[in-house]
Structure formats: C-alpha cells, structure tokens
C-alpha cells in the first residue's frame, strides 16, 4: 500500500469517527450515518490496497 493511500484512508476513517461522534452528541442521525459510511468506505479502500499488495509480492 502506498504511503499516501494509507494516510488518505486513515484520514477518511478518522473523519468518519468524528462525524459519527458529533452526530451522536447532537442527536443528528444523518451525520452519524454519514460518519459510519465514511468509515466503511475507508475500510474497503484499505482492504483493496492490501489485496493489491499481496499480488505484487
């Protein structure tokens, strides 16, 4: 996995956690769901990068 991709995925995951937390604290279901979606998207991207790395080896 490229360093830049890893940083981007980690940033997206962290942003999702923050959104989820803010949504939960403010009782904003839309923001909370958006945060969970961001986290899921980041995890999928990270898994895809790991699969690419396996085939490169």
C-alpha atoms as a PDB file:
ATOM      1  CA  UNK A   1       0.000   0.000   0.000  1.00  0.00           C
ATOM      2  CA  UNK A   2       1.345   3.405  -0.901  1.00  0.00           C
ATOM      3  CA  UNK A   3       2.047   5.742   1.967  1.00  0.00           C
ATOM      4  CA  UNK A   4      -0.203   8.437   0.521  1.00  0.00           C
ATOM      5  CA  UNK A   5      -3.106   5.990   0.147  1.00  0.00           C
ATOM      6  CA  UNK A   6      -2.638   4.805   3.706  1.00  0.00           C
ATOM      7  CA  UNK A   7      -2.685   8.383   5.017  1.00  0.00           C
ATOM      8  CA  UNK A   8      -5.794   9.214   2.975  1.00  0.00           C
ATOM      9  CA  UNK A   9      -7.634   6.113   4.209  1.00  0.00           C
ATOM     10  CA  UNK A  10      -6.678   6.826   7.817  1.00  0.00           C
ATOM     11  CA  UNK A  11      -7.805  10.438   7.457  1.00  0.00           C
ATOM     12  CA  UNK A  12     -11.141   9.372   5.975  1.00  0.00           C
ATOM     13  CA  UNK A  13     -11.637   6.835   8.769  1.00  0.00           C
ATOM     14  CA  UNK A  14     -10.842   9.416  11.444  1.00  0.00           C
ATOM     15  CA  UNK A  15     -13.142  11.972   9.830  1.00  0.00           C
ATOM     16  CA  UNK A  16     -15.900   9.370   9.839  1.00  0.00           C
ATOM     17  CA  UNK A  17     -15.377   8.681  13.534  1.00  0.00           C
ATOM     18  CA  UNK A  18     -15.564  12.399  14.315  1.00  0.00           C
ATOM     19  CA  UNK A  19     -18.735  12.823  12.248  1.00  0.00           C
ATOM     20  CA  UNK A  20     -20.316   9.826  13.940  1.00  0.00           C
ATOM     21  CA  UNK A  21     -19.429  11.168  17.385  1.00  0.00           C
ATOM     22  CA  UNK A  22     -20.715  14.664  16.641  1.00  0.00           C
ATOM     23  CA  UNK A  23     -23.895  13.209  15.166  1.00  0.00           C
ATOM     24  CA  UNK A  24     -24.428  11.085  18.241  1.00  0.00           C
ATOM     25  CA  UNK A  25     -23.741  14.019  20.590  1.00  0.00           C
ATOM     26  CA  UNK A  26     -26.115  16.349  18.745  1.00  0.00           C
ATOM     27  CA  UNK A  27     -28.723  13.649  18.068  1.00  0.00           C
ATOM     28  CA  UNK A  28     -28.231  14.126  14.329  1.00  0.00           C
ATOM     29  CA  UNK A  29     -28.920  10.724  12.777  1.00  0.00           C
ATOM     30  CA  UNK A  30     -27.937  11.833   9.267  1.00  0.00           C
ATOM     31  CA  UNK A  31     -24.486  12.988  10.368  1.00  0.00           C
ATOM     32  CA  UNK A  32     -23.994   9.847  12.448  1.00  0.00           C
ATOM     33  CA  UNK A  33     -24.901   7.635   9.468  1.00  0.00           C
ATOM     34  CA  UNK A  34     -22.638   9.653   7.172  1.00  0.00           C
ATOM     35  CA  UNK A  35     -19.763   9.101   9.598  1.00  0.00           C
ATOM     36  CA  UNK A  36     -20.350   5.348   9.637  1.00  0.00           C
ATOM     37  CA  UNK A  37     -20.438   5.391   5.833  1.00  0.00           C
ATOM     38  CA  UNK A  38     -17.126   7.247   5.659  1.00  0.00           C
ATOM     39  CA  UNK A  39     -15.546   4.683   7.970  1.00  0.00           C
ATOM     40  CA  UNK A  40     -16.881   1.775   5.914  1.00  0.00           C
ATOM     41  CA  UNK A  41     -15.613   3.337   2.676  1.00  0.00           C
ATOM     42  CA  UNK A  42     -12.152   3.879   4.181  1.00  0.00           C
ATOM     43  CA  UNK A  43     -12.021   0.282   5.417  1.00  0.00           C
ATOM     44  CA  UNK A  44     -12.979  -1.053   1.980  1.00  0.00           C
ATOM     45  CA  UNK A  45     -10.308   1.045   0.287  1.00  0.00           C
ATOM     46  CA  UNK A  46      -7.737  -0.147   2.798  1.00  0.00           C
ATOM     47  CA  UNK A  47      -8.720  -3.785   2.209  1.00  0.00           C
ATOM     48  CA  UNK A  48      -8.416  -3.273  -1.545  1.00  0.00           C
ATOM     49  CA  UNK A  49      -4.927  -1.835  -1.149  1.00  0.00           C
ATOM     50  CA  UNK A  50      -3.887  -4.800   0.996  1.00  0.00           C
ATOM     51  CA  UNK A  51      -5.129  -7.219  -1.665  1.00  0.00           C
ATOM     52  CA  UNK A  52      -3.109  -5.354  -4.300  1.00  0.00           C
ATOM     53  CA  UNK A  53      -0.025  -5.655  -2.083  1.00  0.00           C
ATOM     54  CA  UNK A  54      -0.482  -9.437  -1.798  1.00  0.00           C
ATOM     55  CA  UNK A  55      -0.496  -9.833  -5.587  1.00  0.00           C
ATOM     56  CA  UNK A  56       2.533  -7.583  -6.020  1.00  0.00           C
ATOM     57  CA  UNK A  57       4.677  -9.770  -3.789  1.00  0.00           C
END
